[in-house]
Amino acid sequence: MGSKILLISANRCTTPDPVFPLGLAHVNTALRQAGHDTLWADSLVGIERIEDVLTRYKPDFIGISLRNIDDVLIRKRETFFDP
């Protein structure tokens, strides 16, 4: 059996629309096909506290997916580093 891998979609931005983490889905599929056990935690669908996920799942590795580092709007620039 392969490694236990926790994949986290850290995006919480829903404006203008929520975005499905397609890249993370591809990584998840490739890891499973390679024999790894994966758990996907998506911040947009109300995951439990990350500390609880880590305690329960005990992953060997963690991958974090980011949508953008900012909102890409020129007139109202917002960065997502703080959250």
PDB file of N, CA and C in Angstrom:
ATOM      1  N   MET A   1       0.842  -1.180   0.000  1.00  0.00           N
ATOM      2  CA  MET A   1       0.000   0.000   0.000  1.00  0.00           C
ATOM      3  C   MET A   1       0.883   1.237   0.000  1.00  0.00           C
ATOM      4  N   GLY A   2       0.404   2.261  -0.663  1.00  0.00           N
ATOM      5  CA  GLY A   2       1.158   3.506  -0.743  1.00  0.00           C
ATOM      6  C   GLY A   2       1.002   4.356   0.500  1.00  0.00           C
ATOM      7  N   SER A   3       1.381   5.587   0.367  1.00  0.00           N
ATOM      8  CA  SER A   3       1.323   6.551   1.465  1.00  0.00           C
ATOM      9  C   SER A   3      -0.092   7.076   1.685  1.00  0.00           C
ATOM     10  N   LYS A   4      -0.312   7.608   2.887  1.00  0.00           N
ATOM     11  CA  LYS A   4      -1.555   8.311   3.186  1.00  0.00           C
ATOM     12  C   LYS A   4      -1.308   9.793   2.911  1.00  0.00           C
ATOM     13  N   ILE A   5      -2.109  10.361   2.023  1.00  0.00           N
ATOM     14  CA  ILE A   5      -1.882  11.735   1.590  1.00  0.00           C
ATOM     15  C   ILE A   5      -3.144  12.556   1.789  1.00  0.00           C
ATOM     16  N   LEU A   6      -3.016  13.641   2.539  1.00  0.00           N
ATOM     17  CA  LEU A   6      -4.107  14.574   2.738  1.00  0.00           C
ATOM     18  C   LEU A   6      -3.977  15.691   1.716  1.00  0.00           C
ATOM     19  N   LEU A   7      -5.015  15.898   0.924  1.00  0.00           N
ATOM     20  CA  LEU A   7      -5.043  16.968  -0.066  1.00  0.00           C
ATOM     21  C   LEU A   7      -6.017  18.036   0.419  1.00  0.00           C
ATOM     22  N   ILE A   8      -5.523  19.270   0.515  1.00  0.00           N
ATOM     23  CA  ILE A   8      -6.335  20.362   1.043  1.00  0.00           C
ATOM     24  C   ILE A   8      -6.562  21.403  -0.052  1.00  0.00           C
ATOM     25  N   SER A   9      -7.820  21.693  -0.330  1.00  0.00           N
ATOM     26  CA  SER A   9      -8.162  22.809  -1.197  1.00  0.00           C
ATOM     27  C   SER A   9      -8.409  23.999  -0.278  1.00  0.00           C
ATOM     28  N   ALA A  10      -7.467  24.931  -0.245  1.00  0.00           N
ATOM     29  CA  ALA A  10      -7.514  26.039   0.707  1.00  0.00           C
ATOM     30  C   ALA A  10      -8.363  27.218   0.229  1.00  0.00           C
ATOM     31  N   ASN A  11      -8.832  27.185  -0.996  1.00  0.00           N
ATOM     32  CA  ASN A  11      -9.618  28.289  -1.529  1.00  0.00           C
ATOM     33  C   ASN A  11     -10.954  28.424  -0.810  1.00  0.00           C
ATOM     34  N   ARG A  12     -11.229  29.648  -0.318  1.00  0.00           N
ATOM     35  CA  ARG A  12     -12.525  29.928   0.304  1.00  0.00           C
ATOM     36  C   ARG A  12     -13.250  31.065  -0.402  1.00  0.00           C
ATOM     37  N   CYS A  13     -12.721  31.500  -1.526  1.00  0.00           N
ATOM     38  CA  CYS A  13     -13.307  32.603  -2.278  1.00  0.00           C
ATOM     39  C   CYS A  13     -14.501  32.096  -3.099  1.00  0.00           C
ATOM     40  N   THR A  14     -15.623  32.771  -2.972  1.00  0.00           N
ATOM     41  CA  THR A  14     -16.815  32.389  -3.735  1.00  0.00           C
ATOM     42  C   THR A  14     -17.283  33.495  -4.673  1.00  0.00           C
ATOM     43  N   THR A  15     -16.469  34.542  -4.814  1.00  0.00           N
ATOM     44  CA  THR A  15     -16.833  35.677  -5.650  1.00  0.00           C
ATOM     45  C   THR A  15     -15.911  35.748  -6.859  1.00  0.00           C
ATOM     46  N   PRO A  16     -16.378  35.822  -8.065  1.00  0.00           N
ATOM     47  CA  PRO A  16     -17.776  35.925  -8.419  1.00  0.00           C
ATOM     48  C   PRO A  16     -18.525  34.590  -8.331  1.00  0.00           C
ATOM     49  N   ASP A  17     -17.827  33.475  -8.408  1.00  0.00           N
ATOM     50  CA  ASP A  17     -18.450  32.159  -8.287  1.00  0.00           C
ATOM     51  C   ASP A  17     -17.473  31.204  -7.622  1.00  0.00           C
ATOM     52  N   PRO A  18     -17.968  30.203  -6.889  1.00  0.00           N
ATOM     53  CA  PRO A  18     -17.065  29.179  -6.366  1.00  0.00           C
ATOM     54  C   PRO A  18     -16.433  28.409  -7.525  1.00  0.00           C
ATOM     55  N   VAL A  19     -15.212  27.966  -7.322  1.00  0.00           N
ATOM     56  CA  VAL A  19     -14.490  27.266  -8.381  1.00  0.00           C
ATOM     57  C   VAL A  19     -14.106  25.873  -7.897  1.00  0.00           C
ATOM     58  N   PHE A  20     -14.431  24.858  -8.688  1.00  0.00           N
ATOM     59  CA  PHE A  20     -14.040  23.492  -8.370  1.00  0.00           C
ATOM     60  C   PHE A  20     -12.530  23.360  -8.537  1.00  0.00           C
ATOM     61  N   PRO A  21     -11.831  22.763  -7.573  1.00  0.00           N
ATOM     62  CA  PRO A  21     -10.366  22.616  -7.657  1.00  0.00           C
ATOM     63  C   PRO A  21      -9.962  21.494  -8.624  1.00  0.00           C
ATOM     64  N   LEU A  22     -10.024  21.795  -9.905  1.00  0.00           N
ATOM     65  CA  LEU A  22      -9.787  20.797 -10.950  1.00  0.00           C
ATOM     66  C   LEU A  22      -8.372  20.221 -10.890  1.00  0.00           C
ATOM     67  N   GLY A  23      -7.380  21.074 -10.653  1.00  0.00           N
ATOM     68  CA  GLY A  23      -6.006  20.582 -10.564  1.00  0.00           C
ATOM     69  C   GLY A  23      -5.838  19.577  -9.440  1.00  0.00           C
ATOM     70  N   LEU A  24      -6.440  19.864  -8.297  1.00  0.00           N
ATOM     71  CA  LEU A  24      -6.368  18.958  -7.155  1.00  0.00           C
ATOM     72  C   LEU A  24      -7.076  17.636  -7.468  1.00  0.00           C
ATOM     73  N   ALA A  25      -8.154  17.705  -8.214  1.00  0.00           N
ATOM     74  CA  ALA A  25      -8.862  16.489  -8.607  1.00  0.00           C
ATOM     75  C   ALA A  25      -7.978  15.598  -9.480  1.00  0.00           C
ATOM     76  N   HIS A  26      -7.217  16.205 -10.369  1.00  0.00           N
ATOM     77  CA  HIS A  26      -6.291  15.435 -11.223  1.00  0.00           C
ATOM     78  C   HIS A  26      -5.176  14.798 -10.387  1.00  0.00           C
ATOM     79  N   VAL A  27      -4.623  15.570  -9.453  1.00  0.00           N
ATOM     80  CA  VAL A  27      -3.581  15.038  -8.572  1.00  0.00           C
ATOM     81  C   VAL A  27      -4.133  13.887  -7.737  1.00  0.00           C
ATOM     82  N   ASN A  28      -5.342  14.050  -7.212  1.00  0.00           N
ATOM     83  CA  ASN A  28      -5.988  13.014  -6.422  1.00  0.00           C
ATOM     84  C   ASN A  28      -6.141  11.721  -7.228  1.00  0.00           C
ATOM     85  N   THR A  29      -6.611  11.845  -8.445  1.00  0.00           N
ATOM     86  CA  THR A  29      -6.788  10.670  -9.301  1.00  0.00           C
ATOM     87  C   THR A  29      -5.460   9.970  -9.578  1.00  0.00           C
ATOM     88  N   ALA A  30      -4.438  10.747  -9.906  1.00  0.00           N
ATOM     89  CA  ALA A  30      -3.125  10.159 -10.184  1.00  0.00           C
ATOM     90  C   ALA A  30      -2.559   9.447  -8.958  1.00  0.00           C
ATOM     91  N   LEU A  31      -2.714  10.047  -7.789  1.00  0.00           N
ATOM     92  CA  LEU A  31      -2.214   9.420  -6.567  1.00  0.00           C
ATOM     93  C   LEU A  31      -2.946   8.111  -6.268  1.00  0.00           C
ATOM     94  N   ARG A  32      -4.256   8.114  -6.434  1.00  0.00           N
ATOM     95  CA  ARG A  32      -5.030   6.883  -6.191  1.00  0.00           C
ATOM     96  C   ARG A  32      -4.663   5.785  -7.192  1.00  0.00           C
ATOM     97  N   GLN A  33      -4.478   6.170  -8.444  1.00  0.00           N
ATOM     98  CA  GLN A  33      -4.088   5.189  -9.458  1.00  0.00           C
ATOM     99  C   GLN A  33      -2.704   4.610  -9.173  1.00  0.00           C
ATOM    100  N   ALA A  34      -1.866   5.387  -8.490  1.00  0.00           N
ATOM    101  CA  ALA A  34      -0.520   4.927  -8.121  1.00  0.00           C
ATOM    102  C   ALA A  34      -0.532   4.112  -6.827  1.00  0.00           C
ATOM    103  N   GLY A  35      -1.722   3.924  -6.237  1.00  0.00           N
ATOM    104  CA  GLY A  35      -1.827   3.072  -5.061  1.00  0.00           C
ATOM    105  C   GLY A  35      -1.810   3.778  -3.726  1.00  0.00           C
ATOM    106  N   HIS A  36      -1.909   5.088  -3.731  1.00  0.00           N
ATOM    107  CA  HIS A  36      -1.902   5.835  -2.482  1.00  0.00           C
ATOM    108  C   HIS A  36      -3.322   5.996  -1.940  1.00  0.00           C
ATOM    109  N   ASP A  37      -3.428   6.140  -0.632  1.00  0.00           N
ATOM    110  CA  ASP A  37      -4.689   6.421   0.041  1.00  0.00           C
ATOM    111  C   ASP A  37      -4.781   7.926   0.215  1.00  0.00           C
ATOM    112  N   THR A  38      -5.824   8.550  -0.337  1.00  0.00           N
ATOM    113  CA  THR A  38      -5.945   9.999  -0.244  1.00  0.00           C
ATOM    114  C   THR A  38      -7.212  10.402   0.480  1.00  0.00           C
ATOM    115  N   LEU A  39      -7.135  11.546   1.117  1.00  0.00           N
ATOM    116  CA  LEU A  39      -8.293  12.179   1.741  1.00  0.00           C
ATOM    117  C   LEU A  39      -8.290  13.614   1.260  1.00  0.00           C
ATOM    118  N   TRP A  40      -9.446  14.077   0.804  1.00  0.00           N
ATOM    119  CA  TRP A  40      -9.576  15.402   0.227  1.00  0.00           C
ATOM    120  C   TRP A  40     -10.361  16.285   1.190  1.00  0.00           C
ATOM    121  N   ALA A  41      -9.775  17.403   1.609  1.00  0.00           N
ATOM    122  CA  ALA A  41     -10.434  18.375   2.478  1.00  0.00           C
ATOM    123  C   ALA A  41     -10.629  19.663   1.691  1.00  0.00           C
ATOM    124  N   ASP A  42     -11.876  20.007   1.404  1.00  0.00           N
ATOM    125  CA  ASP A  42     -12.194  21.180   0.594  1.00  0.00           C
ATOM    126  C   ASP A  42     -12.770  22.274   1.481  1.00  0.00           C
ATOM    127  N   SER A  43     -12.093  23.408   1.557  1.00  0.00           N
ATOM    128  CA  SER A  43     -12.512  24.509   2.430  1.00  0.00           C
ATOM    129  C   SER A  43     -13.861  25.107   2.050  1.00  0.00           C
ATOM    130  N   LEU A  44     -14.308  24.904   0.828  1.00  0.00           N
ATOM    131  CA  LEU A  44     -15.593  25.451   0.394  1.00  0.00           C
ATOM    132  C   LEU A  44     -16.779  24.591   0.806  1.00  0.00           C
ATOM    133  N   VAL A  45     -16.543  23.392   1.262  1.00  0.00           N
ATOM    134  CA  VAL A  45     -17.677  22.519   1.606  1.00  0.00           C
ATOM    135  C   VAL A  45     -17.728  22.195   3.093  1.00  0.00           C
ATOM    136  N   GLY A  46     -17.197  23.088   3.912  1.00  0.00           N
ATOM    137  CA  GLY A  46     -17.345  22.961   5.359  1.00  0.00           C
ATOM    138  C   GLY A  46     -16.595  21.805   5.981  1.00  0.00           C
ATOM    139  N   ILE A  47     -15.296  21.739   5.752  1.00  0.00           N
ATOM    140  CA  ILE A  47     -14.497  20.675   6.372  1.00  0.00           C
ATOM    141  C   ILE A  47     -14.405  20.895   7.873  1.00  0.00           C
ATOM    142  N   GLU A  48     -14.109  19.837   8.585  1.00  0.00           N
ATOM    143  CA  GLU A  48     -13.882  19.965  10.020  1.00  0.00           C
ATOM    144  C   GLU A  48     -12.564  20.698  10.253  1.00  0.00           C
ATOM    145  N   ARG A  49     -12.278  21.037  11.486  1.00  0.00           N
ATOM    146  CA  ARG A  49     -11.017  21.725  11.799  1.00  0.00           C
ATOM    147  C   ARG A  49      -9.849  20.884  11.293  1.00  0.00           C
ATOM    148  N   ILE A  50      -8.885  21.534  10.694  1.00  0.00           N
ATOM    149  CA  ILE A  50      -7.758  20.817  10.098  1.00  0.00           C
ATOM    150  C   ILE A  50      -6.990  20.031  11.151  1.00  0.00           C
ATOM    151  N   GLU A  51      -6.945  20.541  12.382  1.00  0.00           N
ATOM    152  CA  GLU A  51      -6.266  19.809  13.453  1.00  0.00           C
ATOM    153  C   GLU A  51      -6.954  18.470  13.705  1.00  0.00           C
ATOM    154  N   ASP A  52      -8.284  18.459  13.632  1.00  0.00           N
ATOM    155  CA  ASP A  52      -9.029  17.214  13.827  1.00  0.00           C
ATOM    156  C   ASP A  52      -8.804  16.237  12.678  1.00  0.00           C
ATOM    157  N   VAL A  53      -8.734  16.770  11.466  1.00  0.00           N
ATOM    158  CA  VAL A  53      -8.466  15.918  10.304  1.00  0.00           C
ATOM    159  C   VAL A  53      -7.087  15.275  10.437  1.00  0.00           C
ATOM    160  N   LEU A  54      -6.093  16.063  10.834  1.00  0.00           N
ATOM    161  CA  LEU A  54      -4.729  15.540  10.993  1.00  0.00           C
ATOM    162  C   LEU A  54      -4.655  14.476  12.077  1.00  0.00           C
ATOM    163  N   THR A  55      -5.342  14.703  13.184  1.00  0.00           N
ATOM    164  CA  THR A  55      -5.334  13.746  14.283  1.00  0.00           C
ATOM    165  C   THR A  55      -5.998  12.433  13.881  1.00  0.00           C
ATOM    166  N   ARG A  56      -7.121  12.535  13.189  1.00  0.00           N
ATOM    167  CA  ARG A  56      -7.876  11.342  12.799  1.00  0.00           C
ATOM    168  C   ARG A  56      -7.199  10.573  11.652  1.00  0.00           C
ATOM    169  N   TYR A  57      -6.762  11.286  10.607  1.00  0.00           N
ATOM    170  CA  TYR A  57      -6.254  10.632   9.391  1.00  0.00           C
ATOM    171  C   TYR A  57      -4.762  10.279   9.474  1.00  0.00           C
ATOM    172  N   LYS A  58      -3.995  11.096  10.164  1.00  0.00           N
ATOM    173  CA  LYS A  58      -2.547  10.886  10.318  1.00  0.00           C
ATOM    174  C   LYS A  58      -1.837  10.673   8.965  1.00  0.00           C
ATOM    175  N   PRO A  59      -1.846  11.704   8.124  1.00  0.00           N
ATOM    176  CA  PRO A  59      -1.245  11.552   6.796  1.00  0.00           C
ATOM    177  C   PRO A  59       0.278  11.477   6.840  1.00  0.00           C
ATOM    178  N   ASP A  60       0.835  10.789   5.840  1.00  0.00           N
ATOM    179  CA  ASP A  60       2.287  10.775   5.658  1.00  0.00           C
ATOM    180  C   ASP A  60       2.747  12.056   4.954  1.00  0.00           C
ATOM    181  N   PHE A  61       1.883  12.553   4.068  1.00  0.00           N
ATOM    182  CA  PHE A  61       2.186  13.763   3.298  1.00  0.00           C
ATOM    183  C   PHE A  61       0.935  14.620   3.201  1.00  0.00           C
ATOM    184  N   ILE A  62       1.147  15.930   2.993  1.00  0.00           N
ATOM    185  CA  ILE A  62       0.046  16.867   2.824  1.00  0.00           C
ATOM    186  C   ILE A  62       0.317  17.701   1.580  1.00  0.00           C
ATOM    187  N   GLY A  63      -0.692  17.830   0.727  1.00  0.00           N
ATOM    188  CA  GLY A  63      -0.623  18.704  -0.437  1.00  0.00           C
ATOM    189  C   GLY A  63      -1.662  19.789  -0.291  1.00  0.00           C
ATOM    190  N   ILE A  64      -1.284  21.032  -0.578  1.00  0.00           N
ATOM    191  CA  ILE A  64      -2.205  22.155  -0.452  1.00  0.00           C
ATOM    192  C   ILE A  64      -2.380  22.811  -1.819  1.00  0.00           C
ATOM    193  N   SER A  65      -3.629  22.947  -2.222  1.00  0.00           N
ATOM    194  CA  SER A  65      -3.959  23.577  -3.493  1.00  0.00           C
ATOM    195  C   SER A  65      -4.432  25.001  -3.249  1.00  0.00           C
ATOM    196  N   LEU A  66      -3.899  25.940  -4.028  1.00  0.00           N
ATOM    197  CA  LEU A  66      -4.298  27.346  -3.936  1.00  0.00           C
ATOM    198  C   LEU A  66      -4.920  27.761  -5.262  1.00  0.00           C
ATOM    199  N   ARG A  67      -6.011  28.491  -5.182  1.00  0.00           N
ATOM    200  CA  ARG A  67      -6.643  28.982  -6.411  1.00  0.00           C
ATOM    201  C   ARG A  67      -5.813  30.121  -6.975  1.00  0.00           C
ATOM    202  N   ASN A  68      -5.690  31.176  -6.229  1.00  0.00           N
ATOM    203  CA  ASN A  68      -4.921  32.366  -6.588  1.00  0.00           C
ATOM    204  C   ASN A  68      -4.336  32.925  -5.296  1.00  0.00           C
ATOM    205  N   ILE A  69      -3.348  33.793  -5.436  1.00  0.00           N
ATOM    206  CA  ILE A  69      -2.868  34.493  -4.243  1.00  0.00           C
ATOM    207  C   ILE A  69      -3.591  35.823  -4.078  1.00  0.00           C
ATOM    208  N   ASP A  70      -4.345  36.238  -5.114  1.00  0.00           N
ATOM    209  CA  ASP A  70      -5.152  37.461  -5.019  1.00  0.00           C
ATOM    210  C   ASP A  70      -6.403  37.285  -5.864  1.00  0.00           C
ATOM    211  N   ASP A  71      -7.271  38.280  -5.791  1.00  0.00           N
ATOM    212  CA  ASP A  71      -8.556  38.174  -6.476  1.00  0.00           C
ATOM    213  C   ASP A  71      -8.502  38.584  -7.946  1.00  0.00           C
ATOM    214  N   VAL A  72      -7.371  38.998  -8.450  1.00  0.00           N
ATOM    215  CA  VAL A  72      -7.112  39.413  -9.834  1.00  0.00           C
ATOM    216  C   VAL A  72      -8.027  40.543 -10.310  1.00  0.00           C
ATOM    217  N   LEU A  73      -8.573  41.312  -9.393  1.00  0.00           N
ATOM    218  CA  LEU A  73      -9.384  42.473  -9.754  1.00  0.00           C
ATOM    219  C   LEU A  73      -8.538  43.722  -9.573  1.00  0.00           C
ATOM    220  N   ILE A  74      -8.423  44.519 -10.618  1.00  0.00           N
ATOM    221  CA  ILE A  74      -7.552  45.696 -10.577  1.00  0.00           C
ATOM    222  C   ILE A  74      -8.101  46.766  -9.640  1.00  0.00           C
ATOM    223  N   ARG A  75      -9.395  47.015  -9.673  1.00  0.00           N
ATOM    224  CA  ARG A  75      -9.979  48.110  -8.897  1.00  0.00           C
ATOM    225  C   ARG A  75     -10.092  47.808  -7.406  1.00  0.00           C
ATOM    226  N   LYS A  76     -10.236  46.556  -7.045  1.00  0.00           N
ATOM    227  CA  LYS A  76     -10.392  46.180  -5.634  1.00  0.00           C
ATOM    228  C   LYS A  76      -9.469  44.997  -5.355  1.00  0.00           C
ATOM    229  N   ARG A  77      -8.242  45.267  -5.131  1.00  0.00           N
ATOM    230  CA  ARG A  77      -7.259  44.197  -4.939  1.00  0.00           C
ATOM    231  C   ARG A  77      -7.348  43.635  -3.528  1.00  0.00           C
ATOM    232  N   GLU A  78      -7.546  42.332  -3.446  1.00  0.00           N
ATOM    233  CA  GLU A  78      -7.612  41.630  -2.162  1.00  0.00           C
ATOM    234  C   GLU A  78      -6.684  40.423  -2.244  1.00  0.00           C
ATOM    235  N   THR A  79      -5.836  40.268  -1.246  1.00  0.00           N
ATOM    236  CA  THR A  79      -4.964  39.092  -1.214  1.00  0.00           C
ATOM    237  C   THR A  79      -5.515  38.075  -0.224  1.00  0.00           C
ATOM    238  N   PHE A  80      -5.148  36.819  -0.424  1.00  0.00           N
ATOM    239  CA  PHE A  80      -5.667  35.739   0.398  1.00  0.00           C
ATOM    240  C   PHE A  80      -4.595  35.143   1.311  1.00  0.00           C
ATOM    241  N   PHE A  81      -3.521  35.879   1.569  1.00  0.00           N
ATOM    242  CA  PHE A  81      -2.465  35.357   2.429  1.00  0.00           C
ATOM    243  C   PHE A  81      -2.883  35.253   3.883  1.00  0.00           C
ATOM    244  N   ASP A  82      -3.530  36.299   4.412  1.00  0.00           N
ATOM    245  CA  ASP A  82      -3.870  36.302   5.838  1.00  0.00           C
ATOM    246  C   ASP A  82      -4.744  35.131   6.275  1.00  0.00           C
ATOM    247  N   PRO A  83      -5.874  34.868   5.596  1.00  0.00           N
ATOM    248  CA  PRO A  83      -6.704  33.726   6.038  1.00  0.00           C
ATOM    249  C   PRO A  83      -5.965  32.421   5.910  1.00  0.00           C
TER     250      PRO A  83
END
